[in-house]
């Protein structure tokens, strides 16, 4: 039984400010990044242990923050497989019908969730995303992609506002709020050790919800709407994908969620993962 887990950073216990990134070479930023990567790795471990103890045979973790290289791999449970890096061939590689369930960790709330800590959708200039008129954040898109394959969204750990968001979108999923946003740049948080205890318990319980939570299937075709705070589209120079509604907004239509995300991120819609075809990969658990 394979569980697919998408990790982010903004919803990790103890994280409350935007990451400065590698362009900030100060000692303070380096120390903060190292600490946050460690906190994320330990939350991933807590979730993985919960899934394994609940009956999972595999846990695949998609390092979904920034450049996709945020988890401190030296600390990660050796049973876990990590998908990371830039220029990927598909959105949420490895998420398909072979997965029993999907979850998220380090989860932040979507754009426009005032009061939530570090809320955004994709990037800070985005005001909102809608799929078939349903407002979604990054995690919502992942849950709908999983639903295309009949895979239920069963677990969310992160900001309490993000947990509320996913409880409403995927009723019955297990949520573990490890902090509650007080504003975009402040939060009331559990200490990391306590957060890990609760994440472990929640992940273990989430295994029991797989048969109870319905996968999020959408009517097709899919109509996706993206809106920016500032003008982003010019009718004289339209985007390569979608049609302009106004200078702030575009719509993209596709036959299903995989096709939509391939359009949005410029992926080859016919690309297929190849690890299942090579026995050596499976033998060495890659």
C-alpha atoms as a PDB file:
ATOM      1  CA  UNK A   1       0.000   0.000   0.000  1.00  0.00           C
ATOM      2  CA  UNK A   2       1.639   3.192  -1.236  1.00  0.00           C
ATOM      3  CA  UNK A   3       1.000   6.575   0.393  1.00  0.00           C
ATOM      4  CA  UNK A   4       1.921   9.744  -1.500  1.00  0.00           C
ATOM      5  CA  UNK A   5       2.855  12.727   0.666  1.00  0.00           C
ATOM      6  CA  UNK A   6       3.500  16.254  -0.610  1.00  0.00           C
ATOM      7  CA  UNK A   7       5.700  18.383   1.646  1.00  0.00           C
ATOM      8  CA  UNK A   8       5.918  22.142   1.894  1.00  0.00           C
ATOM      9  CA  UNK A   9       7.735  24.395   4.332  1.00  0.00           C
ATOM     10  CA  UNK A  10       5.447  27.249   5.329  1.00  0.00           C
ATOM     11  CA  UNK A  11       3.154  25.045   7.431  1.00  0.00           C
ATOM     12  CA  UNK A  12       5.898  23.356   9.488  1.00  0.00           C
ATOM     13  CA  UNK A  13       5.798  23.955  13.252  1.00  0.00           C
ATOM     14  CA  UNK A  14       8.189  26.771  14.143  1.00  0.00           C
ATOM     15  CA  UNK A  15       8.259  28.353  10.675  1.00  0.00           C
ATOM     16  CA  UNK A  16       6.605  31.784  10.641  1.00  0.00           C
ATOM     17  CA  UNK A  17       8.454  33.952   8.065  1.00  0.00           C
ATOM     18  CA  UNK A  18       9.209  33.746   4.374  1.00  0.00           C
ATOM     19  CA  UNK A  19      12.349  31.909   3.373  1.00  0.00           C
ATOM     20  CA  UNK A  20      14.993  34.336   2.154  1.00  0.00           C
ATOM     21  CA  UNK A  21      16.536  31.766  -0.156  1.00  0.00           C
ATOM     22  CA  UNK A  22      20.114  31.215  -1.174  1.00  0.00           C
ATOM     23  CA  UNK A  23      20.649  34.804  -2.275  1.00  0.00           C
ATOM     24  CA  UNK A  24      20.828  35.765   1.411  1.00  0.00           C
ATOM     25  CA  UNK A  25      24.286  34.562   2.433  1.00  0.00           C
ATOM     26  CA  UNK A  26      24.116  35.828   6.018  1.00  0.00           C
ATOM     27  CA  UNK A  27      24.955  33.467   8.850  1.00  0.00           C
ATOM     28  CA  UNK A  28      21.507  34.044  10.345  1.00  0.00           C
ATOM     29  CA  UNK A  29      19.735  32.941   7.155  1.00  0.00           C
ATOM     30  CA  UNK A  30      21.980  29.890   6.771  1.00  0.00           C
ATOM     31  CA  UNK A  31      21.278  28.809  10.348  1.00  0.00           C
ATOM     32  CA  UNK A  32      17.531  29.365   9.940  1.00  0.00           C
ATOM     33  CA  UNK A  33      17.390  27.369   6.693  1.00  0.00           C
ATOM     34  CA  UNK A  34      19.288  24.460   8.272  1.00  0.00           C
ATOM     35  CA  UNK A  35      16.955  24.433  11.250  1.00  0.00           C
ATOM     36  CA  UNK A  36      13.808  24.588   9.109  1.00  0.00           C
ATOM     37  CA  UNK A  37      15.046  21.794   6.821  1.00  0.00           C
ATOM     38  CA  UNK A  38      15.621  19.670   9.925  1.00  0.00           C
ATOM     39  CA  UNK A  39      12.170  20.434  11.321  1.00  0.00           C
ATOM     40  CA  UNK A  40      10.602  19.475   7.979  1.00  0.00           C
ATOM     41  CA  UNK A  41      12.572  16.221   7.782  1.00  0.00           C
ATOM     42  CA  UNK A  42      11.433  15.217  11.256  1.00  0.00           C
ATOM     43  CA  UNK A  43       7.792  15.999  10.450  1.00  0.00           C
ATOM     44  CA  UNK A  44       8.140  13.847   7.319  1.00  0.00           C
ATOM     45  CA  UNK A  45       9.577  11.075   9.492  1.00  0.00           C
ATOM     46  CA  UNK A  46       6.723  11.334  11.974  1.00  0.00           C
ATOM     47  CA  UNK A  47       4.144  11.053   9.201  1.00  0.00           C
ATOM     48  CA  UNK A  48       6.004   8.193   7.531  1.00  0.00           C
ATOM     49  CA  UNK A  49       6.221   6.231  10.789  1.00  0.00           C
ATOM     50  CA  UNK A  50       2.519   6.724  11.300  1.00  0.00           C
ATOM     51  CA  UNK A  51       1.709   5.520   7.802  1.00  0.00           C
ATOM     52  CA  UNK A  52       4.002   2.497   8.088  1.00  0.00           C
ATOM     53  CA  UNK A  53       2.676   1.552  11.518  1.00  0.00           C
ATOM     54  CA  UNK A  54      -0.847   1.930  10.161  1.00  0.00           C
ATOM     55  CA  UNK A  55      -0.155  -0.616   7.432  1.00  0.00           C
ATOM     56  CA  UNK A  56       1.474   1.227   4.523  1.00  0.00           C
ATOM     57  CA  UNK A  57       4.180  -0.663   2.638  1.00  0.00           C
ATOM     58  CA  UNK A  58       5.572   2.398   0.812  1.00  0.00           C
ATOM     59  CA  UNK A  59       5.710   6.139   1.494  1.00  0.00           C
ATOM     60  CA  UNK A  60       6.678   8.439  -1.364  1.00  0.00           C
ATOM     61  CA  UNK A  61       7.407  12.053  -0.443  1.00  0.00           C
ATOM     62  CA  UNK A  62       7.316  14.871  -2.984  1.00  0.00           C
ATOM     63  CA  UNK A  63       9.574  17.705  -1.772  1.00  0.00           C
ATOM     64  CA  UNK A  64       7.257  20.446  -2.970  1.00  0.00           C
ATOM     65  CA  UNK A  65       8.830  23.616  -1.598  1.00  0.00           C
ATOM     66  CA  UNK A  66      10.754  26.089  -3.714  1.00  0.00           C
ATOM     67  CA  UNK A  67      13.411  24.376  -5.786  1.00  0.00           C
ATOM     68  CA  UNK A  68      12.301  20.998  -4.438  1.00  0.00           C
ATOM     69  CA  UNK A  69      15.320  20.460  -2.231  1.00  0.00           C
ATOM     70  CA  UNK A  70      14.236  21.489   1.235  1.00  0.00           C
ATOM     71  CA  UNK A  71      14.072  18.234   3.232  1.00  0.00           C
ATOM     72  CA  UNK A  72      17.288  17.358   5.099  1.00  0.00           C
ATOM     73  CA  UNK A  73      17.786  13.895   3.591  1.00  0.00           C
ATOM     74  CA  UNK A  74      20.428  12.873   6.138  1.00  0.00           C
ATOM     75  CA  UNK A  75      17.671  12.675   8.733  1.00  0.00           C
ATOM     76  CA  UNK A  76      14.945  10.917   6.747  1.00  0.00           C
ATOM     77  CA  UNK A  77      13.650   7.423   7.515  1.00  0.00           C
ATOM     78  CA  UNK A  78      15.458   5.067   5.070  1.00  0.00           C
ATOM     79  CA  UNK A  79      12.166   3.444   4.086  1.00  0.00           C
ATOM     80  CA  UNK A  80      10.955   6.685   2.472  1.00  0.00           C
ATOM     81  CA  UNK A  81      11.428   7.515  -1.210  1.00  0.00           C
ATOM     82  CA  UNK A  82      11.960  11.192  -2.065  1.00  0.00           C
ATOM     83  CA  UNK A  83      10.994  12.996  -5.273  1.00  0.00           C
ATOM     84  CA  UNK A  84      12.850  16.300  -5.498  1.00  0.00           C
ATOM     85  CA  UNK A  85      14.591  18.807  -7.733  1.00  0.00           C
ATOM     86  CA  UNK A  86      13.668  21.230 -10.514  1.00  0.00           C
ATOM     87  CA  UNK A  87      12.559  20.796 -14.148  1.00  0.00           C
ATOM     88  CA  UNK A  88      10.388  17.792 -13.393  1.00  0.00           C
ATOM     89  CA  UNK A  89       8.658  15.902 -16.173  1.00  0.00           C
ATOM     90  CA  UNK A  90       5.166  16.056 -14.657  1.00  0.00           C
ATOM     91  CA  UNK A  91       3.225  17.589 -11.796  1.00  0.00           C
ATOM     92  CA  UNK A  92       3.331  15.308  -8.740  1.00  0.00           C
ATOM     93  CA  UNK A  93       5.397  12.597 -10.413  1.00  0.00           C
ATOM     94  CA  UNK A  94       4.447   9.167  -9.101  1.00  0.00           C
ATOM     95  CA  UNK A  95       0.911  10.156  -8.107  1.00  0.00           C
ATOM     96  CA  UNK A  96      -1.317   7.684  -9.916  1.00  0.00           C
ATOM     97  CA  UNK A  97      -3.712   4.807  -9.388  1.00  0.00           C
ATOM     98  CA  UNK A  98      -1.014   2.740  -7.694  1.00  0.00           C
ATOM     99  CA  UNK A  99      -1.293   5.019  -4.658  1.00  0.00           C
ATOM    100  CA  UNK A 100      -3.772   4.172  -1.915  1.00  0.00           C
ATOM    101  CA  UNK A 101      -4.016   7.754  -0.643  1.00  0.00           C
ATOM    102  CA  UNK A 102      -2.463  11.211  -0.737  1.00  0.00           C
ATOM    103  CA  UNK A 103      -1.674  13.613   2.087  1.00  0.00           C
ATOM    104  CA  UNK A 104       0.282  16.803   2.733  1.00  0.00           C
ATOM    105  CA  UNK A 105       2.657  18.089   5.400  1.00  0.00           C
ATOM    106  CA  UNK A 106       3.973  21.574   6.087  1.00  0.00           C
ATOM    107  CA  UNK A 107       0.716  22.747   4.518  1.00  0.00           C
ATOM    108  CA  UNK A 108      -0.135  26.449   4.272  1.00  0.00           C
ATOM    109  CA  UNK A 109      -3.478  28.047   3.468  1.00  0.00           C
ATOM    110  CA  UNK A 110      -4.436  29.339   0.043  1.00  0.00           C
ATOM    111  CA  UNK A 111      -4.242  32.959  -1.084  1.00  0.00           C
ATOM    112  CA  UNK A 112      -6.699  35.407   0.491  1.00  0.00           C
ATOM    113  CA  UNK A 113      -6.959  33.426   3.748  1.00  0.00           C
ATOM    114  CA  UNK A 114      -6.500  36.431   6.006  1.00  0.00           C
ATOM    115  CA  UNK A 115      -5.129  35.516   9.411  1.00  0.00           C
ATOM    116  CA  UNK A 116      -3.332  32.452   8.077  1.00  0.00           C
ATOM    117  CA  UNK A 117       0.440  32.284   8.369  1.00  0.00           C
ATOM    118  CA  UNK A 118       2.337  32.681   5.059  1.00  0.00           C
ATOM    119  CA  UNK A 119      -0.787  32.110   2.969  1.00  0.00           C
ATOM    120  CA  UNK A 120      -0.340  32.051  -0.816  1.00  0.00           C
ATOM    121  CA  UNK A 121      -1.164  29.993  -3.881  1.00  0.00           C
ATOM    122  CA  UNK A 122       1.906  29.128  -5.906  1.00  0.00           C
ATOM    123  CA  UNK A 123       3.424  32.588  -5.577  1.00  0.00           C
ATOM    124  CA  UNK A 124       2.562  35.752  -3.710  1.00  0.00           C
ATOM    125  CA  UNK A 125       1.340  37.733  -6.782  1.00  0.00           C
ATOM    126  CA  UNK A 126      -1.544  35.236  -7.276  1.00  0.00           C
ATOM    127  CA  UNK A 127      -4.923  36.295  -5.854  1.00  0.00           C
ATOM    128  CA  UNK A 128      -6.563  32.937  -6.414  1.00  0.00           C
ATOM    129  CA  UNK A 129      -7.072  29.731  -8.376  1.00  0.00           C
ATOM    130  CA  UNK A 130     -10.407  28.128  -9.189  1.00  0.00           C
ATOM    131  CA  UNK A 131     -11.054  24.678 -10.666  1.00  0.00           C
ATOM    132  CA  UNK A 132     -14.565  24.303 -12.089  1.00  0.00           C
ATOM    133  CA  UNK A 133     -15.491  27.380  -9.999  1.00  0.00           C
ATOM    134  CA  UNK A 134     -14.141  25.788  -6.781  1.00  0.00           C
ATOM    135  CA  UNK A 135     -11.557  27.938  -4.992  1.00  0.00           C
ATOM    136  CA  UNK A 136      -8.397  25.906  -4.414  1.00  0.00           C
ATOM    137  CA  UNK A 137      -4.874  26.334  -3.109  1.00  0.00           C
ATOM    138  CA  UNK A 138      -1.843  24.300  -4.025  1.00  0.00           C
ATOM    139  CA  UNK A 139      -2.981  21.348  -1.909  1.00  0.00           C
ATOM    140  CA  UNK A 140      -6.473  21.453  -3.391  1.00  0.00           C
ATOM    141  CA  UNK A 141      -5.053  21.055  -6.895  1.00  0.00           C
ATOM    142  CA  UNK A 142      -3.052  18.061  -5.703  1.00  0.00           C
ATOM    143  CA  UNK A 143      -6.147  16.528  -4.132  1.00  0.00           C
ATOM    144  CA  UNK A 144      -8.120  16.959  -7.359  1.00  0.00           C
ATOM    145  CA  UNK A 145      -5.274  15.441  -9.365  1.00  0.00           C
ATOM    146  CA  UNK A 146      -5.324  12.447  -7.016  1.00  0.00           C
ATOM    147  CA  UNK A 147      -9.089  12.253  -7.415  1.00  0.00           C
ATOM    148  CA  UNK A 148      -8.653  11.811 -11.163  1.00  0.00           C
ATOM    149  CA  UNK A 149      -6.960   8.493 -10.350  1.00  0.00           C
ATOM    150  CA  UNK A 150      -9.516   7.548  -7.684  1.00  0.00           C
ATOM    151  CA  UNK A 151      -7.034   8.315  -4.880  1.00  0.00           C
ATOM    152  CA  UNK A 152      -8.502   9.968  -1.744  1.00  0.00           C
ATOM    153  CA  UNK A 153      -6.937  12.862   0.148  1.00  0.00           C
ATOM    154  CA  UNK A 154      -6.777  11.651   3.758  1.00  0.00           C
ATOM    155  CA  UNK A 155      -4.171  13.643   5.714  1.00  0.00           C
ATOM    156  CA  UNK A 156      -3.155  17.261   6.252  1.00  0.00           C
ATOM    157  CA  UNK A 157      -0.627  18.665   8.748  1.00  0.00           C
ATOM    158  CA  UNK A 158       0.180  22.367   8.914  1.00  0.00           C
ATOM    159  CA  UNK A 159      -1.417  25.695   9.738  1.00  0.00           C
ATOM    160  CA  UNK A 160      -4.878  25.334  11.309  1.00  0.00           C
ATOM    161  CA  UNK A 161      -6.254  27.516   8.506  1.00  0.00           C
ATOM    162  CA  UNK A 162      -4.920  25.061   5.920  1.00  0.00           C
ATOM    163  CA  UNK A 163      -6.415  22.166   7.890  1.00  0.00           C
ATOM    164  CA  UNK A 164      -9.809  23.896   7.869  1.00  0.00           C
ATOM    165  CA  UNK A 165      -9.482  24.454   4.121  1.00  0.00           C
ATOM    166  CA  UNK A 166      -8.818  20.779   3.443  1.00  0.00           C
ATOM    167  CA  UNK A 167     -11.493  19.524   5.872  1.00  0.00           C
ATOM    168  CA  UNK A 168     -14.024  21.476   3.832  1.00  0.00           C
ATOM    169  CA  UNK A 169     -12.674  20.251   0.505  1.00  0.00           C
ATOM    170  CA  UNK A 170     -12.158  16.581   1.506  1.00  0.00           C
ATOM    171  CA  UNK A 171     -14.636  15.788   4.303  1.00  0.00           C
ATOM    172  CA  UNK A 172     -13.421  13.043   6.611  1.00  0.00           C
ATOM    173  CA  UNK A 173      -9.707  13.587   6.078  1.00  0.00           C
ATOM    174  CA  UNK A 174      -7.505  13.631   9.181  1.00  0.00           C
ATOM    175  CA  UNK A 175      -5.998  17.025   9.966  1.00  0.00           C
ATOM    176  CA  UNK A 176      -3.192  17.887  12.373  1.00  0.00           C
ATOM    177  CA  UNK A 177      -2.881  21.623  13.059  1.00  0.00           C
ATOM    178  CA  UNK A 178       0.627  22.232  14.368  1.00  0.00           C
ATOM    179  CA  UNK A 179       0.196  26.002  14.529  1.00  0.00           C
ATOM    180  CA  UNK A 180      -2.485  28.623  13.974  1.00  0.00           C
ATOM    181  CA  UNK A 181      -1.729  31.705  11.955  1.00  0.00           C
ATOM    182  CA  UNK A 182      -2.325  35.007  13.734  1.00  0.00           C
ATOM    183  CA  UNK A 183      -1.363  37.073  10.697  1.00  0.00           C
ATOM    184  CA  UNK A 184       0.577  36.461   7.528  1.00  0.00           C
ATOM    185  CA  UNK A 185       3.855  36.808   9.430  1.00  0.00           C
ATOM    186  CA  UNK A 186       2.983  35.439  12.871  1.00  0.00           C
ATOM    187  CA  UNK A 187       1.612  32.265  14.417  1.00  0.00           C
ATOM    188  CA  UNK A 188       0.918  30.476  17.671  1.00  0.00           C
ATOM    189  CA  UNK A 189       2.826  27.206  17.277  1.00  0.00           C
ATOM    190  CA  UNK A 190       3.428  23.882  18.928  1.00  0.00           C
ATOM    191  CA  UNK A 191       7.079  23.129  19.599  1.00  0.00           C
ATOM    192  CA  UNK A 192       8.471  20.739  16.959  1.00  0.00           C
ATOM    193  CA  UNK A 193       8.668  17.725  19.312  1.00  0.00           C
ATOM    194  CA  UNK A 194       4.954  17.965  20.181  1.00  0.00           C
ATOM    195  CA  UNK A 195       4.016  18.547  16.555  1.00  0.00           C
ATOM    196  CA  UNK A 196       5.764  15.301  15.594  1.00  0.00           C
ATOM    197  CA  UNK A 197       3.851  13.326  18.208  1.00  0.00           C
ATOM    198  CA  UNK A 198       0.525  14.554  16.832  1.00  0.00           C
ATOM    199  CA  UNK A 199       1.588  14.075  13.205  1.00  0.00           C
ATOM    200  CA  UNK A 200       2.511  10.454  13.913  1.00  0.00           C
ATOM    201  CA  UNK A 201      -0.853   9.787  15.552  1.00  0.00           C
ATOM    202  CA  UNK A 202      -2.756  11.551  12.765  1.00  0.00           C
ATOM    203  CA  UNK A 203      -0.938   9.747   9.966  1.00  0.00           C
ATOM    204  CA  UNK A 204      -1.550   6.386  11.597  1.00  0.00           C
ATOM    205  CA  UNK A 205      -5.246   7.179  11.933  1.00  0.00           C
ATOM    206  CA  UNK A 206      -5.421   8.470   8.354  1.00  0.00           C
ATOM    207  CA  UNK A 207      -4.756   4.952   7.061  1.00  0.00           C
ATOM    208  CA  UNK A 208      -8.121   3.966   8.518  1.00  0.00           C
ATOM    209  CA  UNK A 209      -9.840   6.714   6.524  1.00  0.00           C
ATOM    210  CA  UNK A 210      -8.796   5.471   3.102  1.00  0.00           C
ATOM    211  CA  UNK A 211     -12.005   3.514   2.579  1.00  0.00           C
ATOM    212  CA  UNK A 212     -14.161   6.250   4.128  1.00  0.00           C
ATOM    213  CA  UNK A 213     -13.004   9.417   2.351  1.00  0.00           C
ATOM    214  CA  UNK A 214     -14.268   9.891  -1.184  1.00  0.00           C
ATOM    215  CA  UNK A 215     -11.769  10.795  -3.878  1.00  0.00           C
ATOM    216  CA  UNK A 216     -12.327  14.236  -5.375  1.00  0.00           C
ATOM    217  CA  UNK A 217     -13.515  13.589  -8.900  1.00  0.00           C
ATOM    218  CA  UNK A 218     -14.387  16.564 -11.101  1.00  0.00           C
ATOM    219  CA  UNK A 219     -16.774  16.913 -13.995  1.00  0.00           C
ATOM    220  CA  UNK A 220     -14.926  17.264 -17.289  1.00  0.00           C
ATOM    221  CA  UNK A 221     -13.798  19.242 -19.160  1.00  0.00           C
ATOM    222  CA  UNK A 222     -11.853  21.130 -16.500  1.00  0.00           C
ATOM    223  CA  UNK A 223     -12.041  24.922 -16.477  1.00  0.00           C
ATOM    224  CA  UNK A 224      -9.222  26.541 -14.519  1.00  0.00           C
ATOM    225  CA  UNK A 225      -9.196  30.237 -13.610  1.00  0.00           C
ATOM    226  CA  UNK A 226      -6.142  32.137 -12.383  1.00  0.00           C
ATOM    227  CA  UNK A 227      -6.316  35.690 -11.042  1.00  0.00           C
ATOM    228  CA  UNK A 228      -3.455  38.026 -10.091  1.00  0.00           C
ATOM    229  CA  UNK A 229      -3.488  41.054  -7.801  1.00  0.00           C
ATOM    230  CA  UNK A 230      -1.699  43.215 -10.378  1.00  0.00           C
ATOM    231  CA  UNK A 231      -2.195  43.256 -14.167  1.00  0.00           C
ATOM    232  CA  UNK A 232      -0.413  40.228 -15.611  1.00  0.00           C
ATOM    233  CA  UNK A 233      -1.915  39.670 -19.066  1.00  0.00           C
ATOM    234  CA  UNK A 234      -1.786  41.745 -22.234  1.00  0.00           C
ATOM    235  CA  UNK A 235      -4.271  41.048 -25.033  1.00  0.00           C
ATOM    236  CA  UNK A 236      -1.668  42.303 -27.516  1.00  0.00           C
ATOM    237  CA  UNK A 237       0.770  39.661 -26.251  1.00  0.00           C
ATOM    238  CA  UNK A 238      -1.400  36.825 -24.883  1.00  0.00           C
ATOM    239  CA  UNK A 239      -0.010  33.953 -22.799  1.00  0.00           C
ATOM    240  CA  UNK A 240       0.929  30.720 -24.536  1.00  0.00           C
ATOM    241  CA  UNK A 241      -1.761  28.880 -22.562  1.00  0.00           C
ATOM    242  CA  UNK A 242      -5.363  29.896 -21.944  1.00  0.00           C
ATOM    243  CA  UNK A 243      -7.520  32.859 -22.863  1.00  0.00           C
ATOM    244  CA  UNK A 244      -7.452  36.281 -21.269  1.00  0.00           C
ATOM    245  CA  UNK A 245     -10.551  37.320 -19.332  1.00  0.00           C
ATOM    246  CA  UNK A 246      -9.084  40.672 -18.297  1.00  0.00           C
ATOM    247  CA  UNK A 247      -5.624  42.020 -17.478  1.00  0.00           C
ATOM    248  CA  UNK A 248      -5.676  40.196 -14.123  1.00  0.00           C
ATOM    249  CA  UNK A 249      -7.319  36.936 -15.146  1.00  0.00           C
ATOM    250  CA  UNK A 250      -7.029  34.015 -17.541  1.00  0.00           C
ATOM    251  CA  UNK A 251      -8.883  30.748 -18.062  1.00  0.00           C
ATOM    252  CA  UNK A 252      -7.446  27.443 -19.206  1.00  0.00           C
ATOM    253  CA  UNK A 253      -9.572  24.501 -20.318  1.00  0.00           C
ATOM    254  CA  UNK A 254      -8.442  20.868 -20.483  1.00  0.00           C
ATOM    255  CA  UNK A 255      -9.971  17.430 -20.753  1.00  0.00           C
ATOM    256  CA  UNK A 256      -8.905  16.382 -17.242  1.00  0.00           C
ATOM    257  CA  UNK A 257      -6.612  17.341 -14.340  1.00  0.00           C
ATOM    258  CA  UNK A 258      -3.422  15.703 -15.680  1.00  0.00           C
ATOM    259  CA  UNK A 259      -3.905  17.470 -19.012  1.00  0.00           C
ATOM    260  CA  UNK A 260      -4.597  20.782 -17.263  1.00  0.00           C
ATOM    261  CA  UNK A 261      -1.465  20.608 -15.126  1.00  0.00           C
ATOM    262  CA  UNK A 262       0.641  19.559 -18.112  1.00  0.00           C
ATOM    263  CA  UNK A 263      -0.605  22.672 -19.920  1.00  0.00           C
ATOM    264  CA  UNK A 264      -0.031  24.947 -16.949  1.00  0.00           C
ATOM    265  CA  UNK A 265       3.513  23.779 -16.287  1.00  0.00           C
ATOM    266  CA  UNK A 266       4.622  23.058 -19.846  1.00  0.00           C
ATOM    267  CA  UNK A 267       5.008  19.290 -19.423  1.00  0.00           C
ATOM    268  CA  UNK A 268       4.727  16.633 -22.102  1.00  0.00           C
ATOM    269  CA  UNK A 269       1.243  15.154 -21.559  1.00  0.00           C
ATOM    270  CA  UNK A 270       2.409  11.792 -22.905  1.00  0.00           C
ATOM    271  CA  UNK A 271       5.350  11.445 -20.502  1.00  0.00           C
ATOM    272  CA  UNK A 272       5.194   8.306 -18.374  1.00  0.00           C
ATOM    273  CA  UNK A 273       7.376   7.271 -15.412  1.00  0.00           C
ATOM    274  CA  UNK A 274       9.692   4.425 -16.316  1.00  0.00           C
ATOM    275  CA  UNK A 275      10.748   2.950 -12.971  1.00  0.00           C
ATOM    276  CA  UNK A 276       8.070   0.255 -13.041  1.00  0.00           C
ATOM    277  CA  UNK A 277       9.561  -1.115 -16.279  1.00  0.00           C
ATOM    278  CA  UNK A 278      13.017  -1.863 -14.906  1.00  0.00           C
ATOM    279  CA  UNK A 279      13.341  -4.679 -12.330  1.00  0.00           C
ATOM    280  CA  UNK A 280      16.611  -3.271 -10.974  1.00  0.00           C
ATOM    281  CA  UNK A 281      14.835  -0.120  -9.842  1.00  0.00           C
ATOM    282  CA  UNK A 282      12.248  -2.084  -7.899  1.00  0.00           C
ATOM    283  CA  UNK A 283      14.878  -4.462  -6.496  1.00  0.00           C
ATOM    284  CA  UNK A 284      16.852  -1.592  -5.022  1.00  0.00           C
ATOM    285  CA  UNK A 285      13.670   0.237  -3.941  1.00  0.00           C
ATOM    286  CA  UNK A 286      14.361   3.339  -6.014  1.00  0.00           C
END
